[in-house]
């Protein structure tokens, strides 16, 4: 069987699209964090997650700037604000947007290795239940 040049190119493009994750991967927008004073041991990072064509779950995050990270949620109960880990991960429904923002879901950086300063960027690796991982660069800014 002989395959013509155009058919070979089409097969290569289809294979490349299948390997790239395409619309199945969660996309990450506007990752950022606040500066931390030298006395602070913890920091939080925020971003927007947009689901791909299938449901996914953000299961963990990691950064060299943190000795440990957890996925957290801030809640208000009877006038008292509290923060707790989200052990089951952060659900990212297909084709929907999930905001990690102050007063809600966020990536908690514990044991900040060096203070975070306005203008710098911090790399954070995000891992999803689908097996996808992505590294984002979060801008540190006053906000």
C-alpha atoms as a PDB file:
ATOM      1  CA  UNK A   1       0.000   0.000   0.000  1.00  0.00           C
ATOM      2  CA  UNK A   2       1.333   3.399  -0.955  1.00  0.00           C
ATOM      3  CA  UNK A   3       0.478   6.562   1.021  1.00  0.00           C
ATOM      4  CA  UNK A   4       0.661   9.875  -0.778  1.00  0.00           C
ATOM      5  CA  UNK A   5       2.471  12.923   0.719  1.00  0.00           C
ATOM      6  CA  UNK A   6      -0.741  14.805   1.646  1.00  0.00           C
ATOM      7  CA  UNK A   7      -2.149  11.772   3.479  1.00  0.00           C
ATOM      8  CA  UNK A   8       1.099  11.378   5.441  1.00  0.00           C
ATOM      9  CA  UNK A   9       0.958  15.044   6.480  1.00  0.00           C
ATOM     10  CA  UNK A  10      -2.664  14.633   7.582  1.00  0.00           C
ATOM     11  CA  UNK A  11      -1.751  11.594   9.694  1.00  0.00           C
ATOM     12  CA  UNK A  12       1.151  13.471  11.315  1.00  0.00           C
ATOM     13  CA  UNK A  13      -1.115  16.436  12.183  1.00  0.00           C
ATOM     14  CA  UNK A  14      -3.770  14.163  13.710  1.00  0.00           C
ATOM     15  CA  UNK A  15      -1.143  12.348  15.799  1.00  0.00           C
ATOM     16  CA  UNK A  16       0.346  15.652  16.998  1.00  0.00           C
ATOM     17  CA  UNK A  17      -3.070  16.959  18.031  1.00  0.00           C
ATOM     18  CA  UNK A  18      -3.786  13.768  19.955  1.00  0.00           C
ATOM     19  CA  UNK A  19      -0.506  14.053  21.865  1.00  0.00           C
ATOM     20  CA  UNK A  20      -0.902  17.742  22.738  1.00  0.00           C
ATOM     21  CA  UNK A  21      -3.905  17.328  25.021  1.00  0.00           C
ATOM     22  CA  UNK A  22      -5.992  19.619  22.802  1.00  0.00           C
ATOM     23  CA  UNK A  23      -9.320  20.678  24.261  1.00  0.00           C
ATOM     24  CA  UNK A  24      -9.134  18.024  26.998  1.00  0.00           C
ATOM     25  CA  UNK A  25      -6.608  19.908  29.124  1.00  0.00           C
ATOM     26  CA  UNK A  26      -7.501  22.502  31.747  1.00  0.00           C
ATOM     27  CA  UNK A  27      -6.198  25.949  30.828  1.00  0.00           C
ATOM     28  CA  UNK A  28      -4.842  28.343  33.450  1.00  0.00           C
ATOM     29  CA  UNK A  29      -5.256  32.107  33.311  1.00  0.00           C
ATOM     30  CA  UNK A  30      -3.843  35.037  35.287  1.00  0.00           C
ATOM     31  CA  UNK A  31      -1.841  33.215  38.002  1.00  0.00           C
ATOM     32  CA  UNK A  32      -0.717  35.631  40.737  1.00  0.00           C
ATOM     33  CA  UNK A  33       0.181  35.952  44.395  1.00  0.00           C
ATOM     34  CA  UNK A  34       0.628  38.713  46.940  1.00  0.00           C
ATOM     35  CA  UNK A  35       3.998  39.818  48.304  1.00  0.00           C
ATOM     36  CA  UNK A  36       4.988  38.369  51.661  1.00  0.00           C
ATOM     37  CA  UNK A  37       6.798  40.250  54.394  1.00  0.00           C
ATOM     38  CA  UNK A  38      10.015  38.662  55.626  1.00  0.00           C
ATOM     39  CA  UNK A  39       8.214  37.558  58.797  1.00  0.00           C
ATOM     40  CA  UNK A  40       5.502  35.628  56.901  1.00  0.00           C
ATOM     41  CA  UNK A  41       5.835  31.869  56.572  1.00  0.00           C
ATOM     42  CA  UNK A  42       2.842  31.439  54.241  1.00  0.00           C
ATOM     43  CA  UNK A  43       1.534  32.886  50.989  1.00  0.00           C
ATOM     44  CA  UNK A  44      -1.415  32.239  48.695  1.00  0.00           C
ATOM     45  CA  UNK A  45      -1.646  32.008  44.918  1.00  0.00           C
ATOM     46  CA  UNK A  46      -4.709  32.607  42.780  1.00  0.00           C
ATOM     47  CA  UNK A  47      -5.682  31.916  39.167  1.00  0.00           C
ATOM     48  CA  UNK A  48      -8.553  30.986  36.881  1.00  0.00           C
ATOM     49  CA  UNK A  49      -8.951  27.377  35.731  1.00  0.00           C
ATOM     50  CA  UNK A  50     -11.005  26.704  32.611  1.00  0.00           C
ATOM     51  CA  UNK A  51     -12.109  23.124  32.023  1.00  0.00           C
ATOM     52  CA  UNK A  52     -11.413  21.236  28.837  1.00  0.00           C
ATOM     53  CA  UNK A  53     -13.890  18.923  27.142  1.00  0.00           C
ATOM     54  CA  UNK A  54     -14.064  16.599  30.180  1.00  0.00           C
ATOM     55  CA  UNK A  55     -14.341  17.113  33.943  1.00  0.00           C
ATOM     56  CA  UNK A  56     -11.010  17.217  35.762  1.00  0.00           C
ATOM     57  CA  UNK A  57      -9.708  17.856  39.287  1.00  0.00           C
ATOM     58  CA  UNK A  58      -6.730  19.928  40.394  1.00  0.00           C
ATOM     59  CA  UNK A  59      -5.187  17.447  42.831  1.00  0.00           C
ATOM     60  CA  UNK A  60      -1.966  19.181  43.875  1.00  0.00           C
ATOM     61  CA  UNK A  61       0.433  22.054  43.378  1.00  0.00           C
ATOM     62  CA  UNK A  62       4.156  22.415  44.060  1.00  0.00           C
ATOM     63  CA  UNK A  63       6.718  25.198  43.999  1.00  0.00           C
ATOM     64  CA  UNK A  64      10.395  25.431  44.887  1.00  0.00           C
ATOM     65  CA  UNK A  65       9.477  28.591  46.830  1.00  0.00           C
ATOM     66  CA  UNK A  66       7.356  26.575  49.296  1.00  0.00           C
ATOM     67  CA  UNK A  67       8.400  23.746  51.572  1.00  0.00           C
ATOM     68  CA  UNK A  68       4.824  22.461  51.280  1.00  0.00           C
ATOM     69  CA  UNK A  69       1.704  23.378  49.305  1.00  0.00           C
ATOM     70  CA  UNK A  70      -1.960  22.552  49.823  1.00  0.00           C
ATOM     71  CA  UNK A  71      -5.168  23.373  48.011  1.00  0.00           C
ATOM     72  CA  UNK A  72      -7.256  25.472  50.409  1.00  0.00           C
ATOM     73  CA  UNK A  73     -10.639  27.111  50.700  1.00  0.00           C
ATOM     74  CA  UNK A  74     -11.550  30.100  52.842  1.00  0.00           C
ATOM     75  CA  UNK A  75     -15.090  30.044  54.223  1.00  0.00           C
ATOM     76  CA  UNK A  76     -17.222  32.282  56.425  1.00  0.00           C
ATOM     77  CA  UNK A  77     -19.326  30.587  59.131  1.00  0.00           C
ATOM     78  CA  UNK A  78     -21.308  32.573  61.710  1.00  0.00           C
ATOM     79  CA  UNK A  79     -19.181  35.658  61.063  1.00  0.00           C
ATOM     80  CA  UNK A  80     -15.898  33.781  61.492  1.00  0.00           C
ATOM     81  CA  UNK A  81     -13.550  33.329  58.557  1.00  0.00           C
ATOM     82  CA  UNK A  82     -11.590  30.091  58.442  1.00  0.00           C
ATOM     83  CA  UNK A  83      -9.341  28.303  56.017  1.00  0.00           C
ATOM     84  CA  UNK A  84      -9.053  24.565  55.484  1.00  0.00           C
ATOM     85  CA  UNK A  85      -7.441  22.155  53.027  1.00  0.00           C
ATOM     86  CA  UNK A  86      -9.541  20.760  50.183  1.00  0.00           C
ATOM     87  CA  UNK A  87      -8.422  17.108  50.412  1.00  0.00           C
ATOM     88  CA  UNK A  88     -10.466  15.924  47.426  1.00  0.00           C
ATOM     89  CA  UNK A  89      -8.937  18.586  45.160  1.00  0.00           C
ATOM     90  CA  UNK A  90     -10.538  21.432  43.251  1.00  0.00           C
ATOM     91  CA  UNK A  91     -13.200  20.294  40.800  1.00  0.00           C
ATOM     92  CA  UNK A  92     -12.891  21.763  37.290  1.00  0.00           C
ATOM     93  CA  UNK A  93     -16.076  20.894  35.353  1.00  0.00           C
ATOM     94  CA  UNK A  94     -15.853  20.523  31.582  1.00  0.00           C
ATOM     95  CA  UNK A  95     -16.001  23.848  29.731  1.00  0.00           C
ATOM     96  CA  UNK A  96     -16.535  25.811  32.963  1.00  0.00           C
ATOM     97  CA  UNK A  97     -14.420  28.405  34.762  1.00  0.00           C
ATOM     98  CA  UNK A  98     -13.290  28.011  38.382  1.00  0.00           C
ATOM     99  CA  UNK A  99     -11.764  31.049  40.075  1.00  0.00           C
ATOM    100  CA  UNK A 100      -9.117  30.675  42.737  1.00  0.00           C
ATOM    101  CA  UNK A 101      -9.377  34.052  44.447  1.00  0.00           C
ATOM    102  CA  UNK A 102      -8.954  35.823  47.794  1.00  0.00           C
ATOM    103  CA  UNK A 103     -11.669  34.730  50.209  1.00  0.00           C
ATOM    104  CA  UNK A 104     -12.222  31.443  48.361  1.00  0.00           C
ATOM    105  CA  UNK A 105     -10.211  28.652  46.771  1.00  0.00           C
ATOM    106  CA  UNK A 106      -6.438  29.097  46.488  1.00  0.00           C
ATOM    107  CA  UNK A 107      -3.054  27.371  46.409  1.00  0.00           C
ATOM    108  CA  UNK A 108      -1.538  27.722  49.888  1.00  0.00           C
ATOM    109  CA  UNK A 109       2.251  27.997  50.008  1.00  0.00           C
ATOM    110  CA  UNK A 110       3.529  27.039  53.446  1.00  0.00           C
ATOM    111  CA  UNK A 111       7.103  27.525  54.533  1.00  0.00           C
ATOM    112  CA  UNK A 112       7.966  30.282  52.042  1.00  0.00           C
ATOM    113  CA  UNK A 113      11.669  29.763  51.338  1.00  0.00           C
ATOM    114  CA  UNK A 114      12.376  33.452  50.579  1.00  0.00           C
ATOM    115  CA  UNK A 115       9.974  36.412  50.801  1.00  0.00           C
ATOM    116  CA  UNK A 116       7.850  37.096  47.720  1.00  0.00           C
ATOM    117  CA  UNK A 117       8.467  40.561  46.252  1.00  0.00           C
ATOM    118  CA  UNK A 118       6.316  42.633  43.905  1.00  0.00           C
ATOM    119  CA  UNK A 119       7.484  42.260  40.321  1.00  0.00           C
ATOM    120  CA  UNK A 120       8.914  38.765  40.547  1.00  0.00           C
ATOM    121  CA  UNK A 121       7.354  35.544  39.238  1.00  0.00           C
ATOM    122  CA  UNK A 122       6.992  32.216  41.021  1.00  0.00           C
ATOM    123  CA  UNK A 123       6.750  28.919  39.126  1.00  0.00           C
ATOM    124  CA  UNK A 124       3.974  26.596  40.328  1.00  0.00           C
ATOM    125  CA  UNK A 125       3.458  23.089  38.979  1.00  0.00           C
ATOM    126  CA  UNK A 126      -0.194  22.028  38.889  1.00  0.00           C
ATOM    127  CA  UNK A 127      -1.211  18.361  38.708  1.00  0.00           C
ATOM    128  CA  UNK A 128      -4.652  17.164  37.598  1.00  0.00           C
ATOM    129  CA  UNK A 129      -6.477  13.859  38.068  1.00  0.00           C
ATOM    130  CA  UNK A 130      -6.357  13.344  34.288  1.00  0.00           C
ATOM    131  CA  UNK A 131      -2.584  12.991  34.616  1.00  0.00           C
ATOM    132  CA  UNK A 132      -1.922  16.369  32.999  1.00  0.00           C
ATOM    133  CA  UNK A 133       0.621  18.647  34.648  1.00  0.00           C
ATOM    134  CA  UNK A 134       1.373  22.239  33.791  1.00  0.00           C
ATOM    135  CA  UNK A 135       3.764  24.791  35.200  1.00  0.00           C
ATOM    136  CA  UNK A 136       2.539  28.361  35.476  1.00  0.00           C
ATOM    137  CA  UNK A 137       4.467  31.492  36.329  1.00  0.00           C
ATOM    138  CA  UNK A 138       2.557  33.490  38.957  1.00  0.00           C
ATOM    139  CA  UNK A 139       3.246  37.221  39.097  1.00  0.00           C
ATOM    140  CA  UNK A 140       3.681  38.672  42.581  1.00  0.00           C
ATOM    141  CA  UNK A 141       1.706  41.912  42.807  1.00  0.00           C
ATOM    142  CA  UNK A 142      -0.101  44.171  45.258  1.00  0.00           C
ATOM    143  CA  UNK A 143      -3.770  43.577  44.713  1.00  0.00           C
END
